[in-house]
Amino acid sequence: ICMAMMVSSISCTKNERIETLHASLIAVNSARDGFVAWDLPHQQAIVEAATSHEQGAAALAAYQAKRKPVVDGFEVAYRAIALAATQTDDLSLQAALATAGDLIAAVKRLIGDL
């Protein structure tokens, strides 16, 4: 509800804001749970597929460099949601929604790319 309202620059009611932040938190938590469940087995598969220690270390380092923005993105998203939960302005809510959306898209790209 509120997300559509934000696009048209109409402020949310307090309850709509709370519901929107709650939904964003649930979405980020779901993305985290899916990522965590996928990440370790994926790293193990990289190591198991390696033909040498050097090749495995290089492949694992390359993957970990790709995953770093996603891992860091979780902290940014959680902080943005927490900040928006303590504020009443539209800017903090828009930032939280955008950050959560960007993170979820990044998780999908990473899991889909590999």
PDB file of N, CA and C in Angstrom:
ATOM      1  N   ILE A   1       0.833  -1.182   0.000  1.00  0.00           N
ATOM      2  CA  ILE A   1       0.000   0.000   0.000  1.00  0.00           C
ATOM      3  C   ILE A   1       0.874   1.241   0.000  1.00  0.00           C
ATOM      4  N   CYS A   2       1.732   1.326   0.996  1.00  0.00           N
ATOM      5  CA  CYS A   2       2.550   2.521   1.163  1.00  0.00           C
ATOM      6  C   CYS A   2       3.544   2.681   0.019  1.00  0.00           C
ATOM      7  N   MET A   3       4.064   1.557  -0.514  1.00  0.00           N
ATOM      8  CA  MET A   3       5.025   1.665  -1.595  1.00  0.00           C
ATOM      9  C   MET A   3       4.400   2.372  -2.788  1.00  0.00           C
ATOM     10  N   ALA A   4       3.170   2.019  -3.108  1.00  0.00           N
ATOM     11  CA  ALA A   4       2.475   2.692  -4.200  1.00  0.00           C
ATOM     12  C   ALA A   4       2.246   4.155  -3.858  1.00  0.00           C
ATOM     13  N   MET A   5       1.973   4.427  -2.609  1.00  0.00           N
ATOM     14  CA  MET A   5       1.764   5.795  -2.178  1.00  0.00           C
ATOM     15  C   MET A   5       3.053   6.590  -2.268  1.00  0.00           C
ATOM     16  N   MET A   6       4.185   5.953  -1.991  1.00  0.00           N
ATOM     17  CA  MET A   6       5.457   6.651  -2.037  1.00  0.00           C
ATOM     18  C   MET A   6       5.772   7.113  -3.447  1.00  0.00           C
ATOM     19  N   VAL A   7       5.407   6.320  -4.422  1.00  0.00           N
ATOM     20  CA  VAL A   7       5.661   6.681  -5.804  1.00  0.00           C
ATOM     21  C   VAL A   7       4.916   7.958  -6.156  1.00  0.00           C
ATOM     22  N   SER A   8       3.734   8.120  -5.614  1.00  0.00           N
ATOM     23  CA  SER A   8       2.953   9.309  -5.910  1.00  0.00           C
ATOM     24  C   SER A   8       3.187  10.427  -4.893  1.00  0.00           C
ATOM     25  N   SER A   9       4.212  10.282  -4.034  1.00  0.00           N
ATOM     26  CA  SER A   9       4.619  11.285  -3.053  1.00  0.00           C
ATOM     27  C   SER A   9       3.551  11.593  -2.007  1.00  0.00           C
ATOM     28  N   ILE A  10       2.686  10.654  -1.722  1.00  0.00           N
ATOM     29  CA  ILE A  10       1.701  10.825  -0.665  1.00  0.00           C
ATOM     30  C   ILE A  10       2.245  10.137   0.575  1.00  0.00           C
ATOM     31  N   SER A  11       2.213  10.819   1.681  1.00  0.00           N
ATOM     32  CA  SER A  11       2.760  10.254   2.911  1.00  0.00           C
ATOM     33  C   SER A  11       1.926   9.088   3.415  1.00  0.00           C
ATOM     34  N   CYS A  12       2.588   8.177   4.077  1.00  0.00           N
ATOM     35  CA  CYS A  12       1.939   7.019   4.672  1.00  0.00           C
ATOM     36  C   CYS A  12       1.375   7.390   6.038  1.00  0.00           C
ATOM     37  N   THR A  13       0.367   6.660   6.417  1.00  0.00           N
ATOM     38  CA  THR A  13      -0.070   6.768   7.799  1.00  0.00           C
ATOM     39  C   THR A  13       0.929   5.996   8.653  1.00  0.00           C
ATOM     40  N   LYS A  14       0.844   6.181   9.953  1.00  0.00           N
ATOM     41  CA  LYS A  14       1.763   5.487  10.858  1.00  0.00           C
ATOM     42  C   LYS A  14       1.631   3.969  10.709  1.00  0.00           C
ATOM     43  N   ASN A  15       0.400   3.475  10.629  1.00  0.00           N
ATOM     44  CA  ASN A  15       0.194   2.028  10.495  1.00  0.00           C
ATOM     45  C   ASN A  15       0.706   1.508   9.160  1.00  0.00           C
ATOM     46  N   GLU A  16       0.499   2.266   8.096  1.00  0.00           N
ATOM     47  CA  GLU A  16       0.999   1.842   6.787  1.00  0.00           C
ATOM     48  C   GLU A  16       2.524   1.798   6.785  1.00  0.00           C
ATOM     49  N   ARG A  17       3.118   2.782   7.437  1.00  0.00           N
ATOM     50  CA  ARG A  17       4.581   2.809   7.522  1.00  0.00           C
ATOM     51  C   ARG A  17       5.086   1.590   8.275  1.00  0.00           C
ATOM     52  N   ILE A  18       4.486   1.287   9.401  1.00  0.00           N
ATOM     53  CA  ILE A  18       4.876   0.128  10.194  1.00  0.00           C
ATOM     54  C   ILE A  18       4.703  -1.160   9.396  1.00  0.00           C
ATOM     55  N   GLU A  19       3.579  -1.295   8.717  1.00  0.00           N
ATOM     56  CA  GLU A  19       3.330  -2.490   7.901  1.00  0.00           C
ATOM     57  C   GLU A  19       4.342  -2.605   6.761  1.00  0.00           C
ATOM     58  N   THR A  20       4.665  -1.487   6.147  1.00  0.00           N
ATOM     59  CA  THR A  20       5.630  -1.486   5.052  1.00  0.00           C
ATOM     60  C   THR A  20       7.017  -1.881   5.540  1.00  0.00           C
ATOM     61  N   LEU A  21       7.431  -1.314   6.657  1.00  0.00           N
ATOM     62  CA  LEU A  21       8.729  -1.670   7.221  1.00  0.00           C
ATOM     63  C   LEU A  21       8.761  -3.127   7.663  1.00  0.00           C
ATOM     64  N   HIS A  22       7.666  -3.591   8.229  1.00  0.00           N
ATOM     65  CA  HIS A  22       7.580  -4.996   8.645  1.00  0.00           C
ATOM     66  C   HIS A  22       7.716  -5.917   7.430  1.00  0.00           C
ATOM     67  N   ALA A  23       7.012  -5.581   6.352  1.00  0.00           N
ATOM     68  CA  ALA A  23       7.095  -6.394   5.135  1.00  0.00           C
ATOM     69  C   ALA A  23       8.504  -6.355   4.555  1.00  0.00           C
ATOM     70  N   SER A  24       9.148  -5.195   4.615  1.00  0.00           N
ATOM     71  CA  SER A  24      10.522  -5.084   4.117  1.00  0.00           C
ATOM     72  C   SER A  24      11.475  -5.931   4.952  1.00  0.00           C
ATOM     73  N   LEU A  25      11.286  -5.903   6.261  1.00  0.00           N
ATOM     74  CA  LEU A  25      12.129  -6.710   7.142  1.00  0.00           C
ATOM     75  C   LEU A  25      11.935  -8.198   6.860  1.00  0.00           C
ATOM     76  N   ILE A  26      10.714  -8.613   6.676  1.00  0.00           N
ATOM     77  CA  ILE A  26      10.441 -10.023   6.358  1.00  0.00           C
ATOM     78  C   ILE A  26      11.092 -10.402   5.032  1.00  0.00           C
ATOM     79  N   ALA A  27      11.011  -9.517   4.046  1.00  0.00           N
ATOM     80  CA  ALA A  27      11.611  -9.801   2.740  1.00  0.00           C
ATOM     81  C   ALA A  27      13.132  -9.908   2.841  1.00  0.00           C
ATOM     82  N   VAL A  28      13.756  -9.001   3.594  1.00  0.00           N
ATOM     83  CA  VAL A  28      15.212  -9.054   3.759  1.00  0.00           C
ATOM     84  C   VAL A  28      15.608 -10.302   4.549  1.00  0.00           C
ATOM     85  N   ASN A  29      14.849 -10.637   5.584  1.00  0.00           N
ATOM     86  CA  ASN A  29      15.130 -11.864   6.342  1.00  0.00           C
ATOM     87  C   ASN A  29      15.007 -13.096   5.459  1.00  0.00           C
ATOM     88  N   SER A  30      14.006 -13.126   4.600  1.00  0.00           N
ATOM     89  CA  SER A  30      13.821 -14.263   3.686  1.00  0.00           C
ATOM     90  C   SER A  30      14.985 -14.361   2.706  1.00  0.00           C
ATOM     91  N   ALA A  31      15.419 -13.209   2.197  1.00  0.00           N
ATOM     92  CA  ALA A  31      16.570 -13.200   1.292  1.00  0.00           C
ATOM     93  C   ALA A  31      17.814 -13.701   2.019  1.00  0.00           C
ATOM     94  N   ARG A  32      17.988 -13.276   3.266  1.00  0.00           N
ATOM     95  CA  ARG A  32      19.132 -13.723   4.069  1.00  0.00           C
ATOM     96  C   ARG A  32      19.074 -15.229   4.282  1.00  0.00           C
ATOM     97  N   ASP A  33      17.919 -15.732   4.671  1.00  0.00           N
ATOM     98  CA  ASP A  33      17.794 -17.168   4.921  1.00  0.00           C
ATOM     99  C   ASP A  33      18.088 -17.984   3.666  1.00  0.00           C
ATOM    100  N   GLY A  34      17.557 -17.542   2.534  1.00  0.00           N
ATOM    101  CA  GLY A  34      17.824 -18.240   1.276  1.00  0.00           C
ATOM    102  C   GLY A  34      19.284 -18.175   0.885  1.00  0.00           C
ATOM    103  N   PHE A  35      19.885 -16.997   1.063  1.00  0.00           N
ATOM    104  CA  PHE A  35      21.293 -16.827   0.732  1.00  0.00           C
ATOM    105  C   PHE A  35      22.174 -17.698   1.616  1.00  0.00           C
ATOM    106  N   VAL A  36      21.924 -17.687   2.909  1.00  0.00           N
ATOM    107  CA  VAL A  36      22.733 -18.478   3.839  1.00  0.00           C
ATOM    108  C   VAL A  36      22.609 -19.975   3.520  1.00  0.00           C
ATOM    109  N   ALA A  37      21.412 -20.429   3.220  1.00  0.00           N
ATOM    110  CA  ALA A  37      21.205 -21.851   2.899  1.00  0.00           C
ATOM    111  C   ALA A  37      21.922 -22.240   1.607  1.00  0.00           C
ATOM    112  N   TRP A  38      22.050 -21.302   0.682  1.00  0.00           N
ATOM    113  CA  TRP A  38      22.680 -21.573  -0.608  1.00  0.00           C
ATOM    114  C   TRP A  38      24.187 -21.376  -0.576  1.00  0.00           C
ATOM    115  N   ASP A  39      24.665 -20.414   0.192  1.00  0.00           N
ATOM    116  CA  ASP A  39      26.051 -19.964   0.140  1.00  0.00           C
ATOM    117  C   ASP A  39      27.061 -21.035   0.530  1.00  0.00           C
ATOM    118  N   LEU A  40      26.926 -21.644   1.682  1.00  0.00           N
ATOM    119  CA  LEU A  40      27.916 -22.629   2.129  1.00  0.00           C
ATOM    120  C   LEU A  40      28.005 -23.820   1.174  1.00  0.00           C
ATOM    121  N   PRO A  41      26.882 -24.435   0.784  1.00  0.00           N
ATOM    122  CA  PRO A  41      26.996 -25.532  -0.186  1.00  0.00           C
ATOM    123  C   PRO A  41      27.630 -25.084  -1.509  1.00  0.00           C
ATOM    124  N   HIS A  42      27.357 -23.849  -1.897  1.00  0.00           N
ATOM    125  CA  HIS A  42      27.960 -23.354  -3.140  1.00  0.00           C
ATOM    126  C   HIS A  42      29.474 -23.233  -2.992  1.00  0.00           C
ATOM    127  N   GLN A  43      29.934 -22.711  -1.868  1.00  0.00           N
ATOM    128  CA  GLN A  43      31.377 -22.616  -1.645  1.00  0.00           C
ATOM    129  C   GLN A  43      32.018 -23.996  -1.571  1.00  0.00           C
ATOM    130  N   GLN A  44      31.319 -24.922  -0.937  1.00  0.00           N
ATOM    131  CA  GLN A  44      31.842 -26.290  -0.875  1.00  0.00           C
ATOM    132  C   GLN A  44      31.925 -26.907  -2.267  1.00  0.00           C
ATOM    133  N   ALA A  45      30.954 -26.637  -3.117  1.00  0.00           N
ATOM    134  CA  ALA A  45      30.971 -27.161  -4.485  1.00  0.00           C
ATOM    135  C   ALA A  45      32.130 -26.580  -5.284  1.00  0.00           C
ATOM    136  N   ILE A  46      32.431 -25.307  -5.061  1.00  0.00           N
ATOM    137  CA  ILE A  46      33.579 -24.693  -5.738  1.00  0.00           C
ATOM    138  C   ILE A  46      34.863 -25.414  -5.346  1.00  0.00           C
ATOM    139  N   VAL A  47      35.026 -25.668  -4.063  1.00  0.00           N
ATOM    140  CA  VAL A  47      36.236 -26.348  -3.572  1.00  0.00           C
ATOM    141  C   VAL A  47      36.293 -27.773  -4.113  1.00  0.00           C
ATOM    142  N   GLU A  48      35.182 -28.486  -4.085  1.00  0.00           N
ATOM    143  CA  GLU A  48      35.160 -29.878  -4.553  1.00  0.00           C
ATOM    144  C   GLU A  48      35.425 -29.993  -6.047  1.00  0.00           C
ATOM    145  N   ALA A  49      35.039 -28.975  -6.815  1.00  0.00           N
ATOM    146  CA  ALA A  49      35.245 -29.013  -8.265  1.00  0.00           C
ATOM    147  C   ALA A  49      36.659 -28.638  -8.672  1.00  0.00           C
ATOM    148  N   ALA A  50      37.436 -28.139  -7.729  1.00  0.00           N
ATOM    149  CA  ALA A  50      38.791 -27.687  -8.047  1.00  0.00           C
ATOM    150  C   ALA A  50      39.682 -28.856  -8.425  1.00  0.00           C
ATOM    151  N   THR A  51      40.536 -28.610  -9.392  1.00  0.00           N
ATOM    152  CA  THR A  51      41.487 -29.637  -9.822  1.00  0.00           C
ATOM    153  C   THR A  51      42.841 -29.501  -9.131  1.00  0.00           C
ATOM    154  N   SER A  52      43.036 -28.384  -8.456  1.00  0.00           N
ATOM    155  CA  SER A  52      44.263 -28.182  -7.683  1.00  0.00           C
ATOM    156  C   SER A  52      43.957 -27.213  -6.546  1.00  0.00           C
ATOM    157  N   HIS A  53      44.853 -27.186  -5.588  1.00  0.00           N
ATOM    158  CA  HIS A  53      44.679 -26.260  -4.469  1.00  0.00           C
ATOM    159  C   HIS A  53      44.647 -24.812  -4.969  1.00  0.00           C
ATOM    160  N   GLU A  54      45.561 -24.487  -5.869  1.00  0.00           N
ATOM    161  CA  GLU A  54      45.655 -23.129  -6.386  1.00  0.00           C
ATOM    162  C   GLU A  54      44.396 -22.736  -7.149  1.00  0.00           C
ATOM    163  N   GLN A  55      43.919 -23.650  -7.984  1.00  0.00           N
ATOM    164  CA  GLN A  55      42.712 -23.362  -8.775  1.00  0.00           C
ATOM    165  C   GLN A  55      41.509 -23.204  -7.861  1.00  0.00           C
ATOM    166  N   GLY A  56      41.412 -24.050  -6.857  1.00  0.00           N
ATOM    167  CA  GLY A  56      40.306 -23.954  -5.905  1.00  0.00           C
ATOM    168  C   GLY A  56      40.349 -22.666  -5.104  1.00  0.00           C
ATOM    169  N   ALA A  57      41.540 -22.304  -4.659  1.00  0.00           N
ATOM    170  CA  ALA A  57      41.688 -21.060  -3.895  1.00  0.00           C
ATOM    171  C   ALA A  57      41.328 -19.851  -4.755  1.00  0.00           C
ATOM    172  N   ALA A  58      41.746 -19.867  -6.013  1.00  0.00           N
ATOM    173  CA  ALA A  58      41.437 -18.752  -6.910  1.00  0.00           C
ATOM    174  C   ALA A  58      39.939 -18.677  -7.201  1.00  0.00           C
ATOM    175  N   ALA A  59      39.318 -19.822  -7.454  1.00  0.00           N
ATOM    176  CA  ALA A  59      37.882 -19.837  -7.739  1.00  0.00           C
ATOM    177  C   ALA A  59      37.076 -19.400  -6.516  1.00  0.00           C
ATOM    178  N   LEU A  60      37.490 -19.855  -5.357  1.00  0.00           N
ATOM    179  CA  LEU A  60      36.796 -19.472  -4.125  1.00  0.00           C
ATOM    180  C   LEU A  60      36.971 -17.976  -3.845  1.00  0.00           C
ATOM    181  N   ALA A  61      38.170 -17.461  -4.062  1.00  0.00           N
ATOM    182  CA  ALA A  61      38.416 -16.026  -3.864  1.00  0.00           C
ATOM    183  C   ALA A  61      37.584 -15.193  -4.842  1.00  0.00           C
ATOM    184  N   ALA A  62      37.470 -15.658  -6.071  1.00  0.00           N
ATOM    185  CA  ALA A  62      36.664 -14.937  -7.063  1.00  0.00           C
ATOM    186  C   ALA A  62      35.192 -14.918  -6.650  1.00  0.00           C
ATOM    187  N   TYR A  63      34.698 -16.053  -6.194  1.00  0.00           N
ATOM    188  CA  TYR A  63      33.304 -16.093  -5.739  1.00  0.00           C
ATOM    189  C   TYR A  63      33.108 -15.191  -4.526  1.00  0.00           C
ATOM    190  N   GLN A  64      34.020 -15.251  -3.574  1.00  0.00           N
ATOM    191  CA  GLN A  64      33.872 -14.444  -2.364  1.00  0.00           C
ATOM    192  C   GLN A  64      33.919 -12.952  -2.678  1.00  0.00           C
ATOM    193  N   ALA A  65      34.662 -12.562  -3.701  1.00  0.00           N
ATOM    194  CA  ALA A  65      34.661 -11.159  -4.124  1.00  0.00           C
ATOM    195  C   ALA A  65      33.297 -10.773  -4.710  1.00  0.00           C
ATOM    196  N   LYS A  66      32.669 -11.711  -5.424  1.00  0.00           N
ATOM    197  CA  LYS A  66      31.331 -11.444  -5.972  1.00  0.00           C
ATOM    198  C   LYS A  66      30.277 -11.386  -4.876  1.00  0.00           C
ATOM    199  N   ARG A  67      30.439 -12.158  -3.823  1.00  0.00           N
ATOM    200  CA  ARG A  67      29.424 -12.215  -2.771  1.00  0.00           C
ATOM    201  C   ARG A  67      29.571 -11.096  -1.752  1.00  0.00           C
ATOM    202  N   LYS A  68      30.734 -10.461  -1.682  1.00  0.00           N
ATOM    203  CA  LYS A  68      30.975  -9.415  -0.681  1.00  0.00           C
ATOM    204  C   LYS A  68      29.950  -8.286  -0.746  1.00  0.00           C
ATOM    205  N   PRO A  69      29.613  -7.756  -1.924  1.00  0.00           N
ATOM    206  CA  PRO A  69      28.595  -6.696  -1.942  1.00  0.00           C
ATOM    207  C   PRO A  69      27.238  -7.161  -1.409  1.00  0.00           C
ATOM    208  N   VAL A  70      26.926  -8.430  -1.593  1.00  0.00           N
ATOM    209  CA  VAL A  70      25.666  -8.962  -1.073  1.00  0.00           C
ATOM    210  C   VAL A  70      25.731  -9.051   0.450  1.00  0.00           C
ATOM    211  N   VAL A  71      26.811  -9.593   0.966  1.00  0.00           N
ATOM    212  CA  VAL A  71      26.978  -9.706   2.420  1.00  0.00           C
ATOM    213  C   VAL A  71      26.943  -8.315   3.053  1.00  0.00           C
ATOM    214  N   ASP A  72      27.669  -7.378   2.470  1.00  0.00           N
ATOM    215  CA  ASP A  72      27.659  -6.006   2.983  1.00  0.00           C
ATOM    216  C   ASP A  72      26.271  -5.375   2.836  1.00  0.00           C
ATOM    217  N   GLY A  73      25.576  -5.740   1.786  1.00  0.00           N
ATOM    218  CA  GLY A  73      24.234  -5.200   1.534  1.00  0.00           C
ATOM    219  C   GLY A  73      23.239  -5.565   2.610  1.00  0.00           C
ATOM    220  N   PHE A  74      23.411  -6.712   3.231  1.00  0.00           N
ATOM    221  CA  PHE A  74      22.512  -7.073   4.329  1.00  0.00           C
ATOM    222  C   PHE A  74      22.650  -6.081   5.478  1.00  0.00           C
ATOM    223  N   GLU A  75      23.867  -5.731   5.830  1.00  0.00           N
ATOM    224  CA  GLU A  75      24.075  -4.765   6.913  1.00  0.00           C
ATOM    225  C   GLU A  75      23.456  -3.414   6.552  1.00  0.00           C
ATOM    226  N   VAL A  76      23.667  -2.974   5.325  1.00  0.00           N
ATOM    227  CA  VAL A  76      23.117  -1.693   4.888  1.00  0.00           C
ATOM    228  C   VAL A  76      21.588  -1.722   4.930  1.00  0.00           C
ATOM    229  N   ALA A  77      20.991  -2.799   4.455  1.00  0.00           N
ATOM    230  CA  ALA A  77      19.529  -2.904   4.443  1.00  0.00           C
ATOM    231  C   ALA A  77      18.954  -2.924   5.852  1.00  0.00           C
ATOM    232  N   TYR A  78      19.560  -3.711   6.730  1.00  0.00           N
ATOM    233  CA  TYR A  78      19.064  -3.767   8.107  1.00  0.00           C
ATOM    234  C   TYR A  78      19.199  -2.407   8.796  1.00  0.00           C
ATOM    235  N   ARG A  79      20.299  -1.705   8.546  1.00  0.00           N
ATOM    236  CA  ARG A  79      20.475  -0.380   9.144  1.00  0.00           C
ATOM    237  C   ARG A  79      19.448   0.609   8.600  1.00  0.00           C
ATOM    238  N   ALA A  80      19.184   0.546   7.303  1.00  0.00           N
ATOM    239  CA  ALA A  80      18.215   1.461   6.696  1.00  0.00           C
ATOM    240  C   ALA A  80      16.813   1.202   7.238  1.00  0.00           C
ATOM    241  N   ILE A  81      16.458  -0.053   7.404  1.00  0.00           N
ATOM    242  CA  ILE A  81      15.148  -0.392   7.967  1.00  0.00           C
ATOM    243  C   ILE A  81      15.065   0.075   9.414  1.00  0.00           C
ATOM    244  N   ALA A  82      16.120  -0.145  10.176  1.00  0.00           N
ATOM    245  CA  ALA A  82      16.136   0.293  11.578  1.00  0.00           C
ATOM    246  C   ALA A  82      16.021   1.812  11.677  1.00  0.00           C
ATOM    247  N   LEU A  83      16.739   2.513  10.835  1.00  0.00           N
ATOM    248  CA  LEU A  83      16.665   3.971  10.855  1.00  0.00           C
ATOM    249  C   LEU A  83      15.257   4.441  10.512  1.00  0.00           C
ATOM    250  N   ALA A  84      14.680   3.877   9.464  1.00  0.00           N
ATOM    251  CA  ALA A  84      13.326   4.274   9.059  1.00  0.00           C
ATOM    252  C   ALA A  84      12.307   3.969  10.146  1.00  0.00           C
ATOM    253  N   ALA A  85      12.564   2.927  10.921  1.00  0.00           N
ATOM    254  CA  ALA A  85      11.636   2.571  12.007  1.00  0.00           C
ATOM    255  C   ALA A  85      11.665   3.587  13.137  1.00  0.00           C
ATOM    256  N   THR A  86      12.736   4.369  13.218  1.00  0.00           N
ATOM    257  CA  THR A  86      12.840   5.364  14.292  1.00  0.00           C
ATOM    258  C   THR A  86      12.475   6.771  13.816  1.00  0.00           C
ATOM    259  N   GLN A  87      12.164   6.914  12.542  1.00  0.00           N
ATOM    260  CA  GLN A  87      11.877   8.222  11.962  1.00  0.00           C
ATOM    261  C   GLN A  87      10.416   8.288  11.494  1.00  0.00           C
ATOM    262  N   THR A  88      10.017   9.458  11.048  1.00  0.00           N
ATOM    263  CA  THR A  88       8.667   9.629  10.501  1.00  0.00           C
ATOM    264  C   THR A  88       8.692  10.262   9.120  1.00  0.00           C
ATOM    265  N   ASP A  89       9.874  10.485   8.555  1.00  0.00           N
ATOM    266  CA  ASP A  89       9.979  11.159   7.262  1.00  0.00           C
ATOM    267  C   ASP A  89       9.876  10.179   6.101  1.00  0.00           C
ATOM    268  N   ASP A  90       9.481  10.713   4.954  1.00  0.00           N
ATOM    269  CA  ASP A  90       9.358   9.885   3.756  1.00  0.00           C
ATOM    270  C   ASP A  90      10.725   9.463   3.218  1.00  0.00           C
ATOM    271  N   LEU A  91      11.727  10.310   3.375  1.00  0.00           N
ATOM    272  CA  LEU A  91      13.043  10.017   2.831  1.00  0.00           C
ATOM    273  C   LEU A  91      13.647   8.752   3.440  1.00  0.00           C
ATOM    274  N   SER A  92      13.541   8.595   4.758  1.00  0.00           N
ATOM    275  CA  SER A  92      14.111   7.395   5.382  1.00  0.00           C
ATOM    276  C   SER A  92      13.350   6.142   4.955  1.00  0.00           C
ATOM    277  N   LEU A  93      12.049   6.268   4.776  1.00  0.00           N
ATOM    278  CA  LEU A  93      11.260   5.119   4.325  1.00  0.00           C
ATOM    279  C   LEU A  93      11.620   4.756   2.886  1.00  0.00           C
ATOM    280  N   GLN A  94      11.726   5.766   2.034  1.00  0.00           N
ATOM    281  CA  GLN A  94      12.112   5.511   0.642  1.00  0.00           C
ATOM    282  C   GLN A  94      13.487   4.859   0.567  1.00  0.00           C
ATOM    283  N   ALA A  95      14.414   5.331   1.396  1.00  0.00           N
ATOM    284  CA  ALA A  95      15.764   4.759   1.405  1.00  0.00           C
ATOM    285  C   ALA A  95      15.731   3.302   1.864  1.00  0.00           C
ATOM    286  N   ALA A  96      14.952   3.010   2.885  1.00  0.00           N
ATOM    287  CA  ALA A  96      14.854   1.632   3.381  1.00  0.00           C
ATOM    288  C   ALA A  96      14.264   0.714   2.317  1.00  0.00           C
ATOM    289  N   LEU A  97      13.214   1.171   1.656  1.00  0.00           N
ATOM    290  CA  LEU A  97      12.581   0.348   0.621  1.00  0.00           C
ATOM    291  C   LEU A  97      13.521   0.130  -0.559  1.00  0.00           C
ATOM    292  N   ALA A  98      14.216   1.182  -0.971  1.00  0.00           N
ATOM    293  CA  ALA A  98      15.141   1.055  -2.095  1.00  0.00           C
ATOM    294  C   ALA A  98      16.305   0.135  -1.747  1.00  0.00           C
ATOM    295  N   THR A  99      16.844   0.290  -0.554  1.00  0.00           N
ATOM    296  CA  THR A  99      17.971  -0.535  -0.118  1.00  0.00           C
ATOM    297  C   THR A  99      17.559  -2.005  -0.036  1.00  0.00           C
ATOM    298  N   ALA A 100      16.390  -2.259   0.530  1.00  0.00           N
ATOM    299  CA  ALA A 100      15.904  -3.645   0.618  1.00  0.00           C
ATOM    300  C   ALA A 100      15.680  -4.227  -0.770  1.00  0.00           C
ATOM    301  N   GLY A 101      15.070  -3.452  -1.656  1.00  0.00           N
ATOM    302  CA  GLY A 101      14.838  -3.923  -3.021  1.00  0.00           C
ATOM    303  C   GLY A 101      16.124  -4.203  -3.769  1.00  0.00           C
ATOM    304  N   ASP A 102      17.104  -3.304  -3.617  1.00  0.00           N
ATOM    305  CA  ASP A 102      18.401  -3.508  -4.268  1.00  0.00           C
ATOM    306  C   ASP A 102      19.091  -4.760  -3.746  1.00  0.00           C
ATOM    307  N   LEU A 103      19.023  -4.967  -2.441  1.00  0.00           N
ATOM    308  CA  LEU A 103      19.653  -6.149  -1.849  1.00  0.00           C
ATOM    309  C   LEU A 103      19.012  -7.430  -2.369  1.00  0.00           C
ATOM    310  N   ILE A 104      17.702  -7.473  -2.363  1.00  0.00           N
ATOM    311  CA  ILE A 104      16.997  -8.674  -2.828  1.00  0.00           C
ATOM    312  C   ILE A 104      17.340  -8.957  -4.287  1.00  0.00           C
ATOM    313  N   ALA A 105      17.411  -7.920  -5.100  1.00  0.00           N
ATOM    314  CA  ALA A 105      17.789  -8.096  -6.504  1.00  0.00           C
ATOM    315  C   ALA A 105      19.228  -8.618  -6.616  1.00  0.00           C
ATOM    316  N   ALA A 106      20.123  -8.116  -5.776  1.00  0.00           N
ATOM    317  CA  ALA A 106      21.519  -8.567  -5.803  1.00  0.00           C
ATOM    318  C   ALA A 106      21.636 -10.035  -5.392  1.00  0.00           C
ATOM    319  N   VAL A 107      20.865 -10.447  -4.404  1.00  0.00           N
ATOM    320  CA  VAL A 107      20.875 -11.852  -3.985  1.00  0.00           C
ATOM    321  C   VAL A 107      20.375 -12.729  -5.130  1.00  0.00           C
ATOM    322  N   LYS A 108      19.300 -12.325  -5.773  1.00  0.00           N
ATOM    323  CA  LYS A 108      18.757 -13.104  -6.902  1.00  0.00           C
ATOM    324  C   LYS A 108      19.764 -13.189  -8.038  1.00  0.00           C
ATOM    325  N   ARG A 109      20.434 -12.066  -8.340  1.00  0.00           N
ATOM    326  CA  ARG A 109      21.440 -12.084  -9.414  1.00  0.00           C
ATOM    327  C   ARG A 109      22.590 -13.024  -9.066  1.00  0.00           C
ATOM    328  N   LEU A 110      23.076 -12.948  -7.844  1.00  0.00           N
ATOM    329  CA  LEU A 110      24.211 -13.792  -7.447  1.00  0.00           C
ATOM    330  C   LEU A 110      23.833 -15.270  -7.519  1.00  0.00           C
ATOM    331  N   ILE A 111      22.710 -15.610  -6.952  1.00  0.00           N
ATOM    332  CA  ILE A 111      22.304 -17.016  -6.973  1.00  0.00           C
ATOM    333  C   ILE A 111      21.982 -17.475  -8.383  1.00  0.00           C
ATOM    334  N   GLY A 112      21.395 -16.604  -9.164  1.00  0.00           N
ATOM    335  CA  GLY A 112      21.047 -16.956 -10.540  1.00  0.00           C
ATOM    336  C   GLY A 112      22.237 -17.009 -11.464  1.00  0.00           C
ATOM    337  N   ASP A 113      23.276 -16.196 -11.161  1.00  0.00           N
ATOM    338  CA  ASP A 113      24.451 -16.120 -12.027  1.00  0.00           C
ATOM    339  C   ASP A 113      25.340 -17.341 -11.913  1.00  0.00           C
ATOM    340  N   LEU A 114      25.285 -17.998 -10.766  1.00  0.00           N
ATOM    341  CA  LEU A 114      26.254 -19.066 -10.527  1.00  0.00           C
ATOM    342  C   LEU A 114      25.657 -20.442 -10.625  1.00  0.00           C
TER     343      LEU A 114
END
